[in-house]
N, C-alpha and C. Protein backbone atom coordinates (compact mmCIF):
# COMPACT_ATOMS: atom_id res chain seq x y z
N MET A 1 127.13 101.51 108.08
CA MET A 1 125.70 101.85 108.07
C MET A 1 125.51 103.33 108.35
N ASN A 2 124.74 104.01 107.49
CA ASN A 2 124.34 105.39 107.75
C ASN A 2 123.06 105.35 108.58
N ILE A 3 123.20 105.49 109.88
CA ILE A 3 122.07 105.29 110.79
C ILE A 3 120.93 106.28 110.53
N SER A 4 121.25 107.46 110.00
CA SER A 4 120.23 108.48 109.74
C SER A 4 119.15 107.98 108.79
N GLU A 5 119.53 107.11 107.86
CA GLU A 5 118.59 106.61 106.86
C GLU A 5 117.47 105.77 107.47
N TYR A 6 117.68 105.32 108.68
CA TYR A 6 116.71 104.44 109.33
C TYR A 6 115.89 105.16 110.40
N ILE A 7 116.08 106.46 110.52
CA ILE A 7 115.43 107.21 111.60
C ILE A 7 114.38 108.18 111.06
N ASP A 8 113.19 108.10 111.64
CA ASP A 8 112.16 109.12 111.44
C ASP A 8 112.21 110.03 112.66
N LEU A 9 112.57 111.27 112.44
CA LEU A 9 112.68 112.23 113.55
C LEU A 9 111.30 112.79 113.85
N SER A 10 110.84 112.61 115.09
CA SER A 10 109.47 113.00 115.42
C SER A 10 109.42 114.15 116.43
N LEU A 11 108.40 114.97 116.26
CA LEU A 11 108.08 116.03 117.22
C LEU A 11 106.58 116.15 117.27
N LEU A 12 105.97 115.55 118.31
CA LEU A 12 104.52 115.39 118.35
C LEU A 12 103.87 115.93 119.60
N LYS A 13 104.62 116.65 120.42
CA LYS A 13 104.05 117.24 121.63
C LYS A 13 103.00 118.29 121.28
N ALA A 14 101.95 118.34 122.08
CA ALA A 14 100.90 119.33 121.86
C ALA A 14 101.41 120.76 121.99
N THR A 15 102.49 120.93 122.74
CA THR A 15 103.04 122.27 122.98
C THR A 15 104.09 122.69 121.96
N SER A 16 104.33 121.87 120.94
CA SER A 16 105.35 122.20 119.94
C SER A 16 104.99 123.51 119.23
N THR A 17 105.95 124.41 119.15
CA THR A 17 105.74 125.71 118.53
C THR A 17 106.29 125.73 117.10
N GLU A 18 106.00 126.81 116.38
CA GLU A 18 106.55 126.95 115.04
C GLU A 18 108.08 126.99 115.10
N ARG A 19 108.62 127.62 116.13
CA ARG A 19 110.07 127.66 116.30
C ARG A 19 110.63 126.24 116.47
N ASP A 20 109.91 125.41 117.20
CA ASP A 20 110.32 124.02 117.40
C ASP A 20 110.36 123.27 116.06
N ILE A 21 109.35 123.51 115.24
CA ILE A 21 109.28 122.85 113.93
C ILE A 21 110.43 123.31 113.04
N ILE A 22 110.73 124.59 113.07
CA ILE A 22 111.86 125.13 112.30
C ILE A 22 113.16 124.47 112.73
N ASP A 23 113.35 124.34 114.03
CA ASP A 23 114.57 123.70 114.55
C ASP A 23 114.61 122.22 114.17
N LEU A 24 113.46 121.57 114.23
CA LEU A 24 113.37 120.16 113.87
C LEU A 24 113.80 119.94 112.42
N CYS A 25 113.30 120.77 111.53
CA CYS A 25 113.62 120.62 110.11
C CYS A 25 115.09 120.94 109.83
N ARG A 26 115.64 121.88 110.57
CA ARG A 26 117.07 122.17 110.43
C ARG A 26 117.89 120.95 110.83
N GLU A 27 117.53 120.33 111.95
CA GLU A 27 118.23 119.13 112.41
C GLU A 27 118.08 117.98 111.41
N ALA A 28 116.89 117.87 110.83
CA ALA A 28 116.65 116.81 109.85
C ALA A 28 117.54 116.99 108.62
N LYS A 29 117.67 118.23 108.17
CA LYS A 29 118.51 118.50 107.01
C LYS A 29 119.99 118.30 107.32
N GLU A 30 120.40 118.73 108.50
CA GLU A 30 121.81 118.58 108.89
C GLU A 30 122.23 117.12 108.98
N ASN A 31 121.28 116.26 109.39
CA ASN A 31 121.60 114.84 109.59
C ASN A 31 121.03 113.92 108.53
N GLN A 32 120.23 114.49 107.61
CA GLN A 32 119.63 113.72 106.51
C GLN A 32 118.86 112.50 107.01
N PHE A 33 117.92 112.77 107.93
CA PHE A 33 117.06 111.70 108.41
C PHE A 33 116.12 111.23 107.31
N ASN A 34 115.57 110.03 107.49
CA ASN A 34 114.66 109.46 106.50
C ASN A 34 113.38 110.29 106.37
N ALA A 35 112.84 110.69 107.51
CA ALA A 35 111.56 111.41 107.51
C ALA A 35 111.44 112.28 108.76
N VAL A 36 110.52 113.23 108.67
CA VAL A 36 110.15 114.04 109.83
C VAL A 36 108.67 113.80 110.08
N SER A 37 108.32 113.49 111.32
CA SER A 37 106.94 113.19 111.68
C SER A 37 106.39 114.28 112.60
N VAL A 38 105.29 114.92 112.15
CA VAL A 38 104.71 116.04 112.91
C VAL A 38 103.19 115.94 112.92
N ASN A 39 102.58 116.70 113.80
CA ASN A 39 101.12 116.80 113.81
C ASN A 39 100.65 117.49 112.54
N SER A 40 99.43 117.15 112.11
CA SER A 40 98.97 117.58 110.79
C SER A 40 98.85 119.09 110.64
N SER A 41 98.70 119.81 111.74
CA SER A 41 98.61 121.27 111.65
C SER A 41 99.90 121.91 111.16
N TYR A 42 101.01 121.17 111.26
CA TYR A 42 102.31 121.70 110.87
C TYR A 42 102.84 121.11 109.56
N ILE A 43 102.00 120.39 108.84
CA ILE A 43 102.48 119.77 107.61
C ILE A 43 102.89 120.80 106.56
N ALA A 44 102.07 121.80 106.33
CA ALA A 44 102.40 122.79 105.31
C ALA A 44 103.72 123.50 105.62
N LEU A 45 103.92 123.88 106.87
CA LEU A 45 105.17 124.54 107.27
C LEU A 45 106.34 123.59 107.10
N THR A 46 106.18 122.35 107.55
CA THR A 46 107.26 121.37 107.45
C THR A 46 107.62 121.10 106.00
N LYS A 47 106.62 120.98 105.14
CA LYS A 47 106.87 120.74 103.72
C LYS A 47 107.65 121.90 103.11
N GLU A 48 107.28 123.11 103.48
CA GLU A 48 107.98 124.29 102.97
C GLU A 48 109.45 124.29 103.42
N LEU A 49 109.67 123.96 104.67
CA LEU A 49 111.03 123.98 105.22
C LEU A 49 111.91 122.88 104.64
N LEU A 50 111.29 121.77 104.23
CA LEU A 50 112.06 120.64 103.70
C LEU A 50 112.01 120.56 102.18
N ASP A 51 111.55 121.63 101.55
CA ASP A 51 111.48 121.67 100.09
C ASP A 51 112.86 121.44 99.49
N LYS A 52 112.88 120.70 98.39
CA LYS A 52 114.13 120.40 97.66
C LYS A 52 115.08 119.50 98.44
N THR A 53 114.54 118.75 99.40
CA THR A 53 115.31 117.71 100.08
C THR A 53 114.64 116.37 99.80
N GLN A 54 115.33 115.29 100.16
CA GLN A 54 114.77 113.94 100.00
C GLN A 54 114.07 113.47 101.27
N ILE A 55 114.00 114.33 102.28
CA ILE A 55 113.41 113.95 103.56
C ILE A 55 111.89 113.92 103.45
N LYS A 56 111.30 112.81 103.82
CA LYS A 56 109.85 112.68 103.73
C LYS A 56 109.15 113.40 104.88
N VAL A 57 107.96 113.89 104.60
CA VAL A 57 107.14 114.56 105.60
C VAL A 57 105.98 113.62 105.96
N ALA A 58 105.92 113.22 107.23
CA ALA A 58 104.89 112.29 107.69
C ALA A 58 103.92 113.00 108.63
N ALA A 59 102.63 112.80 108.39
CA ALA A 59 101.59 113.39 109.23
C ALA A 59 100.94 112.33 110.09
N VAL A 60 100.82 112.60 111.39
CA VAL A 60 100.05 111.68 112.24
C VAL A 60 98.57 112.06 112.15
N VAL A 61 97.73 111.04 112.18
CA VAL A 61 96.29 111.21 112.00
C VAL A 61 95.56 110.44 113.10
N GLY A 62 94.56 111.10 113.72
CA GLY A 62 93.85 110.45 114.82
C GLY A 62 94.78 110.22 115.99
N PHE A 63 95.68 111.13 116.20
CA PHE A 63 96.78 110.95 117.15
C PHE A 63 96.50 111.65 118.46
N PRO A 64 96.87 111.07 119.60
CA PRO A 64 97.50 109.76 119.78
C PRO A 64 96.52 108.63 120.16
N LEU A 65 95.25 108.96 120.36
CA LEU A 65 94.32 107.97 120.91
C LEU A 65 93.72 107.03 119.88
N GLY A 66 93.51 107.51 118.66
CA GLY A 66 92.89 106.69 117.63
C GLY A 66 91.40 106.50 117.79
N ALA A 67 90.80 107.18 118.77
CA ALA A 67 89.40 106.92 119.12
C ALA A 67 88.40 107.85 118.45
N MET A 68 88.88 108.77 117.62
CA MET A 68 87.97 109.67 116.94
C MET A 68 87.26 108.96 115.78
N SER A 69 86.27 109.60 115.21
CA SER A 69 85.48 108.96 114.17
C SER A 69 86.32 108.69 112.93
N THR A 70 85.91 107.69 112.18
CA THR A 70 86.58 107.39 110.92
C THR A 70 86.52 108.57 109.97
N ALA A 71 85.38 109.24 109.94
CA ALA A 71 85.22 110.39 109.04
C ALA A 71 86.23 111.49 109.37
N SER A 72 86.48 111.70 110.65
CA SER A 72 87.45 112.74 111.02
C SER A 72 88.86 112.33 110.64
N LYS A 73 89.18 111.05 110.75
CA LYS A 73 90.50 110.56 110.33
C LYS A 73 90.67 110.72 108.81
N VAL A 74 89.62 110.39 108.09
CA VAL A 74 89.67 110.52 106.63
C VAL A 74 89.91 111.96 106.22
N TYR A 75 89.17 112.88 106.84
CA TYR A 75 89.33 114.30 106.51
C TYR A 75 90.74 114.78 106.85
N GLU A 76 91.23 114.42 108.04
CA GLU A 76 92.55 114.87 108.46
C GLU A 76 93.63 114.31 107.52
N ALA A 77 93.48 113.06 107.12
CA ALA A 77 94.46 112.44 106.23
C ALA A 77 94.46 113.11 104.86
N LYS A 78 93.27 113.33 104.31
CA LYS A 78 93.19 113.97 102.99
C LYS A 78 93.76 115.37 103.02
N LYS A 79 93.46 116.12 104.08
CA LYS A 79 93.98 117.49 104.21
C LYS A 79 95.50 117.48 104.34
N ALA A 80 96.03 116.52 105.09
CA ALA A 80 97.48 116.44 105.26
C ALA A 80 98.18 116.17 103.93
N VAL A 81 97.59 115.29 103.11
CA VAL A 81 98.17 115.01 101.79
C VAL A 81 98.13 116.26 100.92
N LEU A 82 97.03 116.97 100.95
CA LEU A 82 96.92 118.22 100.19
C LEU A 82 97.95 119.24 100.65
N ASP A 83 98.26 119.23 101.94
CA ASP A 83 99.24 120.17 102.49
C ASP A 83 100.68 119.75 102.22
N GLY A 84 100.86 118.52 101.69
CA GLY A 84 102.20 118.10 101.31
C GLY A 84 102.76 116.88 102.00
N ALA A 85 101.95 116.18 102.80
CA ALA A 85 102.45 114.98 103.49
C ALA A 85 102.81 113.89 102.49
N ASN A 86 103.97 113.29 102.70
CA ASN A 86 104.41 112.16 101.87
C ASN A 86 103.98 110.83 102.45
N GLU A 87 103.65 110.81 103.74
CA GLU A 87 103.20 109.60 104.42
C GLU A 87 102.13 109.96 105.44
N ILE A 88 101.21 109.04 105.67
CA ILE A 88 100.19 109.21 106.69
C ILE A 88 100.37 108.12 107.75
N ASP A 89 100.35 108.54 109.01
CA ASP A 89 100.54 107.62 110.15
C ASP A 89 99.30 107.71 111.04
N MET A 90 98.37 106.77 110.87
CA MET A 90 97.13 106.80 111.65
C MET A 90 97.22 105.85 112.83
N VAL A 91 96.44 106.15 113.85
CA VAL A 91 96.38 105.29 115.04
C VAL A 91 95.13 104.43 114.98
N ILE A 92 95.30 103.15 115.25
CA ILE A 92 94.19 102.20 115.21
C ILE A 92 93.17 102.53 116.30
N ASN A 93 91.91 102.14 116.08
CA ASN A 93 90.88 102.31 117.10
C ASN A 93 90.96 101.13 118.07
N LEU A 94 91.62 101.36 119.19
CA LEU A 94 91.86 100.30 120.16
C LEU A 94 90.58 99.78 120.81
N GLY A 95 89.64 100.70 121.02
CA GLY A 95 88.37 100.30 121.63
C GLY A 95 87.61 99.32 120.74
N PHE A 96 87.58 99.59 119.44
CA PHE A 96 86.94 98.66 118.50
C PHE A 96 87.65 97.31 118.51
N LEU A 97 88.99 97.34 118.53
CA LEU A 97 89.74 96.09 118.51
C LEU A 97 89.45 95.26 119.76
N LYS A 98 89.45 95.90 120.93
CA LYS A 98 89.22 95.19 122.17
C LYS A 98 87.76 94.74 122.30
N SER A 99 86.87 95.39 121.58
CA SER A 99 85.47 94.96 121.55
C SER A 99 85.25 93.81 120.57
N LYS A 100 86.33 93.44 119.88
CA LYS A 100 86.27 92.42 118.82
C LYS A 100 85.37 92.86 117.67
N ASN A 101 85.25 94.17 117.53
CA ASN A 101 84.50 94.74 116.40
C ASN A 101 85.47 94.91 115.24
N TYR A 102 85.89 93.78 114.70
CA TYR A 102 86.95 93.79 113.70
C TYR A 102 86.53 94.42 112.38
N VAL A 103 85.25 94.35 112.08
CA VAL A 103 84.75 94.97 110.85
C VAL A 103 84.96 96.48 110.90
N SER A 104 84.69 97.08 112.06
CA SER A 104 84.86 98.53 112.20
C SER A 104 86.34 98.93 112.21
N VAL A 105 87.18 98.07 112.79
CA VAL A 105 88.62 98.34 112.76
C VAL A 105 89.11 98.35 111.32
N LEU A 106 88.69 97.36 110.56
CA LEU A 106 89.09 97.27 109.15
C LEU A 106 88.56 98.45 108.35
N LYS A 107 87.31 98.84 108.58
CA LYS A 107 86.73 99.96 107.85
C LYS A 107 87.47 101.26 108.18
N ASP A 108 87.81 101.44 109.43
CA ASP A 108 88.53 102.64 109.88
C ASP A 108 89.83 102.82 109.09
N ILE A 109 90.57 101.72 108.97
CA ILE A 109 91.85 101.78 108.26
C ILE A 109 91.63 101.85 106.75
N SER A 110 90.72 101.04 106.25
CA SER A 110 90.49 100.97 104.80
C SER A 110 89.98 102.29 104.23
N ASP A 111 89.15 103.00 104.99
CA ASP A 111 88.63 104.27 104.51
C ASP A 111 89.74 105.31 104.38
N VAL A 112 90.68 105.29 105.33
CA VAL A 112 91.83 106.20 105.21
C VAL A 112 92.71 105.76 104.05
N ARG A 113 92.93 104.46 103.91
CA ARG A 113 93.70 103.92 102.79
C ARG A 113 93.13 104.40 101.46
N LEU A 114 91.83 104.31 101.31
CA LEU A 114 91.16 104.71 100.08
C LEU A 114 91.27 106.22 99.86
N ALA A 115 91.17 106.98 100.93
CA ALA A 115 91.16 108.45 100.82
C ALA A 115 92.49 109.02 100.37
N ILE A 116 93.60 108.34 100.71
CA ILE A 116 94.91 108.91 100.41
C ILE A 116 95.58 108.29 99.19
N GLY A 117 94.88 107.38 98.52
CA GLY A 117 95.40 106.82 97.27
C GLY A 117 96.72 106.09 97.47
N ASN A 118 97.71 106.49 96.68
CA ASN A 118 99.00 105.81 96.71
C ASN A 118 99.96 106.33 97.77
N THR A 119 99.53 107.32 98.54
CA THR A 119 100.38 107.81 99.63
C THR A 119 100.61 106.70 100.65
N PRO A 120 101.86 106.42 101.01
CA PRO A 120 102.13 105.34 101.97
C PRO A 120 101.36 105.53 103.28
N LEU A 121 100.80 104.42 103.78
CA LEU A 121 100.02 104.45 105.02
C LEU A 121 100.71 103.63 106.09
N LYS A 122 100.94 104.28 107.24
CA LYS A 122 101.46 103.62 108.43
C LYS A 122 100.33 103.55 109.46
N VAL A 123 100.21 102.42 110.12
CA VAL A 123 99.18 102.26 111.15
C VAL A 123 99.85 101.93 112.48
N THR A 124 99.63 102.79 113.47
CA THR A 124 100.15 102.57 114.82
C THR A 124 99.17 101.71 115.59
N ILE A 125 99.65 100.57 116.11
CA ILE A 125 98.73 99.64 116.80
C ILE A 125 98.82 99.73 118.32
N GLU A 126 99.76 100.47 118.85
CA GLU A 126 99.91 100.71 120.30
C GLU A 126 100.03 99.41 121.09
N ILE A 127 101.17 98.74 120.92
CA ILE A 127 101.36 97.40 121.47
C ILE A 127 101.28 97.33 123.00
N SER A 128 101.55 98.44 123.68
CA SER A 128 101.50 98.41 125.15
C SER A 128 100.09 98.20 125.68
N GLU A 129 99.08 98.43 124.84
CA GLU A 129 97.68 98.26 125.23
C GLU A 129 97.11 96.90 124.80
N LEU A 130 97.93 96.08 124.15
CA LEU A 130 97.43 94.85 123.55
C LEU A 130 98.13 93.62 124.11
N ASN A 131 97.40 92.50 124.19
CA ASN A 131 98.04 91.23 124.49
C ASN A 131 98.52 90.59 123.19
N LYS A 132 99.16 89.44 123.30
CA LYS A 132 99.75 88.80 122.12
C LYS A 132 98.71 88.55 121.03
N ASN A 133 97.56 88.00 121.39
CA ASN A 133 96.53 87.70 120.39
C ASN A 133 95.99 88.96 119.74
N GLU A 134 95.90 90.03 120.51
CA GLU A 134 95.41 91.29 119.95
C GLU A 134 96.44 91.91 119.00
N ILE A 135 97.72 91.76 119.32
CA ILE A 135 98.77 92.24 118.42
C ILE A 135 98.68 91.50 117.08
N ILE A 136 98.52 90.18 117.17
CA ILE A 136 98.40 89.37 115.95
C ILE A 136 97.18 89.79 115.14
N LYS A 137 96.05 89.96 115.82
CA LYS A 137 94.82 90.33 115.12
C LYS A 137 94.94 91.72 114.49
N ALA A 138 95.53 92.66 115.21
CA ALA A 138 95.71 94.01 114.66
C ALA A 138 96.57 93.97 113.40
N CYS A 139 97.61 93.17 113.43
CA CYS A 139 98.48 93.04 112.25
C CYS A 139 97.74 92.40 111.09
N GLU A 140 96.94 91.39 111.37
CA GLU A 140 96.18 90.72 110.31
C GLU A 140 95.19 91.68 109.66
N ILE A 141 94.54 92.52 110.47
CA ILE A 141 93.60 93.50 109.92
C ILE A 141 94.34 94.54 109.08
N CYS A 142 95.50 94.96 109.54
CA CYS A 142 96.30 95.91 108.77
C CYS A 142 96.67 95.34 107.41
N LEU A 143 97.01 94.06 107.37
CA LEU A 143 97.32 93.42 106.09
C LEU A 143 96.10 93.38 105.19
N ASP A 144 94.93 93.08 105.77
CA ASP A 144 93.69 93.07 104.99
C ASP A 144 93.39 94.45 104.40
N ALA A 145 93.81 95.49 105.11
CA ALA A 145 93.57 96.86 104.65
C ALA A 145 94.67 97.36 103.71
N ASN A 146 95.65 96.51 103.46
CA ASN A 146 96.72 96.83 102.51
C ASN A 146 97.56 98.03 102.95
N VAL A 147 97.94 98.03 104.22
CA VAL A 147 98.79 99.13 104.71
C VAL A 147 100.24 98.87 104.30
N ASP A 148 101.04 99.91 104.32
CA ASP A 148 102.44 99.79 103.92
C ASP A 148 103.34 99.49 105.12
N TYR A 149 103.02 100.10 106.26
CA TYR A 149 103.85 99.95 107.46
C TYR A 149 102.94 99.72 108.67
N ILE A 150 103.41 98.90 109.61
CA ILE A 150 102.74 98.76 110.90
C ILE A 150 103.72 99.24 111.96
N LYS A 151 103.25 100.15 112.80
CA LYS A 151 104.11 100.83 113.77
C LYS A 151 103.74 100.39 115.17
N THR A 152 104.74 100.21 116.01
CA THR A 152 104.49 99.64 117.34
C THR A 152 103.70 100.56 118.26
N SER A 153 104.05 101.85 118.29
CA SER A 153 103.58 102.70 119.38
C SER A 153 103.50 104.16 118.97
N SER A 154 102.66 104.90 119.70
CA SER A 154 102.57 106.34 119.48
C SER A 154 103.65 107.10 120.25
N GLY A 155 104.14 106.47 121.32
CA GLY A 155 105.06 107.17 122.21
C GLY A 155 104.33 107.94 123.30
N PHE A 156 102.99 107.86 123.28
CA PHE A 156 102.19 108.61 124.25
C PHE A 156 101.36 107.69 125.14
N SER A 157 101.62 106.38 125.08
CA SER A 157 100.92 105.44 125.93
C SER A 157 101.83 105.07 127.10
N LYS A 158 101.47 104.01 127.84
CA LYS A 158 102.21 103.70 129.07
C LYS A 158 103.61 103.17 128.81
N SER A 159 103.87 102.64 127.61
CA SER A 159 105.23 102.25 127.25
C SER A 159 105.32 102.17 125.73
N GLY A 160 106.53 101.95 125.24
CA GLY A 160 106.74 101.96 123.80
C GLY A 160 107.02 100.59 123.23
N ALA A 161 107.90 100.56 122.24
CA ALA A 161 108.22 99.32 121.53
C ALA A 161 108.89 98.31 122.46
N THR A 162 108.71 97.04 122.14
CA THR A 162 109.46 95.97 122.80
C THR A 162 109.93 95.00 121.72
N LEU A 163 111.07 94.37 121.98
CA LEU A 163 111.59 93.39 121.03
C LEU A 163 110.65 92.20 120.90
N THR A 164 110.02 91.82 122.00
CA THR A 164 109.07 90.70 121.97
C THR A 164 107.91 90.98 121.03
N ALA A 165 107.33 92.18 121.16
CA ALA A 165 106.20 92.54 120.31
C ALA A 165 106.61 92.61 118.84
N VAL A 166 107.78 93.15 118.58
CA VAL A 166 108.26 93.25 117.20
C VAL A 166 108.41 91.86 116.58
N LYS A 167 108.90 90.92 117.36
CA LYS A 167 109.07 89.56 116.86
C LYS A 167 107.71 88.92 116.55
N ILE A 168 106.71 89.20 117.40
CA ILE A 168 105.35 88.71 117.15
C ILE A 168 104.81 89.31 115.86
N MET A 169 105.01 90.61 115.70
CA MET A 169 104.56 91.31 114.50
C MET A 169 105.23 90.74 113.25
N LYS A 170 106.54 90.56 113.34
CA LYS A 170 107.31 90.05 112.19
C LYS A 170 106.83 88.67 111.79
N LYS A 171 106.59 87.80 112.76
CA LYS A 171 106.13 86.44 112.48
C LYS A 171 104.75 86.46 111.82
N THR A 172 103.92 87.44 112.21
CA THR A 172 102.55 87.52 111.68
C THR A 172 102.51 88.07 110.27
N ILE A 173 103.23 89.15 110.03
CA ILE A 173 103.11 89.83 108.74
C ILE A 173 104.11 89.33 107.71
N LYS A 174 105.15 88.61 108.18
CA LYS A 174 106.20 88.12 107.28
C LYS A 174 106.75 89.30 106.46
N ASN A 175 106.64 89.22 105.15
CA ASN A 175 107.14 90.32 104.32
C ASN A 175 106.01 91.06 103.61
N LYS A 176 104.80 90.96 104.16
CA LYS A 176 103.65 91.57 103.51
C LYS A 176 103.49 93.05 103.85
N ALA A 177 104.18 93.50 104.88
CA ALA A 177 104.22 94.92 105.25
C ALA A 177 105.53 95.14 106.00
N LYS A 178 105.88 96.38 106.22
CA LYS A 178 107.11 96.70 106.94
C LYS A 178 106.78 97.17 108.35
N ILE A 179 107.75 97.02 109.25
CA ILE A 179 107.54 97.37 110.65
C ILE A 179 108.39 98.58 111.02
N ILE A 180 107.77 99.52 111.74
CA ILE A 180 108.48 100.67 112.30
C ILE A 180 108.40 100.57 113.81
N ALA A 181 109.55 100.59 114.47
CA ALA A 181 109.60 100.57 115.93
C ALA A 181 109.58 102.00 116.45
N SER A 182 108.75 102.23 117.44
CA SER A 182 108.58 103.59 117.98
C SER A 182 108.24 103.52 119.45
N GLY A 183 108.68 104.53 120.19
CA GLY A 183 108.35 104.62 121.61
C GLY A 183 109.45 104.12 122.50
N GLY A 184 110.11 105.03 123.21
CA GLY A 184 111.13 104.64 124.17
C GLY A 184 112.48 104.31 123.57
N ILE A 185 112.68 104.64 122.31
CA ILE A 185 113.96 104.34 121.65
C ILE A 185 114.82 105.60 121.71
N THR A 186 115.83 105.57 122.57
CA THR A 186 116.57 106.79 122.88
C THR A 186 118.08 106.70 122.67
N ASP A 187 118.57 105.51 122.28
CA ASP A 187 120.02 105.37 122.14
C ASP A 187 120.37 104.46 120.96
N LEU A 188 121.61 104.54 120.53
CA LEU A 188 122.08 103.81 119.36
C LEU A 188 121.95 102.30 119.53
N GLU A 189 122.33 101.79 120.70
CA GLU A 189 122.30 100.35 120.93
C GLU A 189 120.89 99.79 120.73
N THR A 190 119.89 100.53 121.21
CA THR A 190 118.50 100.07 121.05
C THR A 190 118.07 100.10 119.59
N VAL A 191 118.47 101.15 118.88
CA VAL A 191 118.15 101.23 117.45
C VAL A 191 118.71 100.01 116.72
N LEU A 192 119.96 99.67 116.98
CA LEU A 192 120.61 98.55 116.30
C LEU A 192 119.92 97.22 116.62
N LYS A 193 119.47 97.06 117.86
CA LYS A 193 118.75 95.84 118.24
C LYS A 193 117.46 95.70 117.44
N TYR A 194 116.73 96.80 117.28
CA TYR A 194 115.48 96.73 116.52
C TYR A 194 115.74 96.48 115.05
N LEU A 195 116.75 97.10 114.49
CA LEU A 195 117.09 96.86 113.09
C LEU A 195 117.47 95.40 112.88
N ASP A 196 118.13 94.81 113.85
CA ASP A 196 118.52 93.39 113.76
C ASP A 196 117.30 92.46 113.76
N THR A 197 116.20 92.89 114.38
CA THR A 197 115.00 92.06 114.39
C THR A 197 114.21 92.16 113.09
N GLY A 198 114.58 93.10 112.23
CA GLY A 198 113.92 93.20 110.94
C GLY A 198 113.03 94.41 110.73
N VAL A 199 113.03 95.37 111.67
CA VAL A 199 112.27 96.59 111.42
C VAL A 199 112.98 97.39 110.33
N CYS A 200 112.20 98.16 109.59
CA CYS A 200 112.81 98.94 108.50
C CYS A 200 113.25 100.32 108.95
N ARG A 201 112.59 100.85 110.00
CA ARG A 201 112.88 102.18 110.49
C ARG A 201 112.55 102.26 111.97
N VAL A 202 113.09 103.28 112.63
CA VAL A 202 112.69 103.59 114.00
C VAL A 202 112.24 105.06 114.03
N ALA A 203 111.25 105.33 114.85
CA ALA A 203 110.77 106.70 115.02
C ALA A 203 111.12 107.16 116.42
N THR A 204 111.75 108.32 116.51
CA THR A 204 112.22 108.80 117.81
C THR A 204 112.45 110.31 117.78
N PRO A 205 112.21 110.98 118.90
CA PRO A 205 112.58 112.39 118.99
C PRO A 205 114.07 112.58 119.29
N ASP A 206 114.78 111.48 119.54
CA ASP A 206 116.18 111.53 119.95
C ASP A 206 117.15 111.20 118.81
N GLY A 207 116.74 111.46 117.59
CA GLY A 207 117.55 111.12 116.44
C GLY A 207 118.92 111.77 116.43
N VAL A 208 118.98 113.04 116.79
CA VAL A 208 120.26 113.75 116.77
C VAL A 208 121.23 113.14 117.78
N LYS A 209 120.74 112.84 118.97
CA LYS A 209 121.55 112.20 120.00
C LYS A 209 122.08 110.85 119.51
N ILE A 210 121.24 110.10 118.83
CA ILE A 210 121.63 108.78 118.34
C ILE A 210 122.71 108.88 117.27
N VAL A 211 122.57 109.85 116.38
CA VAL A 211 123.59 110.06 115.33
C VAL A 211 124.93 110.45 115.97
N LYS A 212 124.88 111.30 116.98
CA LYS A 212 126.11 111.69 117.67
C LYS A 212 126.79 110.49 118.32
N GLU A 213 125.98 109.58 118.87
CA GLU A 213 126.54 108.35 119.44
C GLU A 213 127.25 107.54 118.37
N LYS A 214 126.64 107.46 117.19
CA LYS A 214 127.24 106.71 116.09
C LYS A 214 128.57 107.34 115.67
N ILE A 215 128.59 108.66 115.55
CA ILE A 215 129.82 109.36 115.17
C ILE A 215 130.91 109.13 116.22
N SER A 216 130.52 109.23 117.48
CA SER A 216 131.47 109.02 118.57
C SER A 216 132.04 107.61 118.54
N ARG A 217 131.20 106.63 118.25
CA ARG A 217 131.66 105.23 118.19
C ARG A 217 132.65 105.05 117.04
N LEU A 218 132.38 105.70 115.90
CA LEU A 218 133.29 105.59 114.76
C LEU A 218 134.64 106.22 115.05
N LYS A 219 134.63 107.32 115.79
CA LYS A 219 135.88 107.99 116.14
C LYS A 219 136.72 107.10 117.04
N VAL A 220 136.07 106.45 117.99
CA VAL A 220 136.77 105.56 118.89
C VAL A 220 137.37 104.39 118.12
N ALA A 221 136.59 103.86 117.18
CA ALA A 221 137.04 102.70 116.40
C ALA A 221 138.22 103.03 115.51
N SER A 222 138.29 104.29 115.06
CA SER A 222 139.39 104.69 114.16
C SER A 222 140.65 105.07 114.94
């Protein structure tokens, strides 16, 4: 298994500098990660740095709270696509979901879906803030909105992905969308556990460390 193919390398800190983005893209090219995930202000720079590679550029939208207006999410998503984003990763409106205002949750996602056309849409549902029934409902709404991927966590809440939540998500969505595990995934063993549960990718800032672990394990085995 080429573990790099399953990793989205992320750099989403508010303090990330242009130098940090340059280093991130260099690491992505050296290790051939699946995608690089950055804040939308850095999409144009990231796209330029990854030009002529197969590495996808993913923009987070409404990040990390998801509580901004739908109109602002739509604008940010459209601008990110114009700047070169290959994927959009929006955060669900948790307040609407917990209010059982499911119509507004669906509209929030659907409006972004409509705005970006065929560009793949990932929706972060922030499982650490949800109970089992809310996780199921969030996934059902995402399916109604025709999203491509459902992502566990932003990495900026009280905790990240859990195997239990991923199994709930998998049972709910079956094969109608793909799952990305994110948040708190820092080592190879954890990545492999999530892949075994059926996630298609993991998002982590520790991708380089994980690849080195894989290489080290192969050397030992040989």
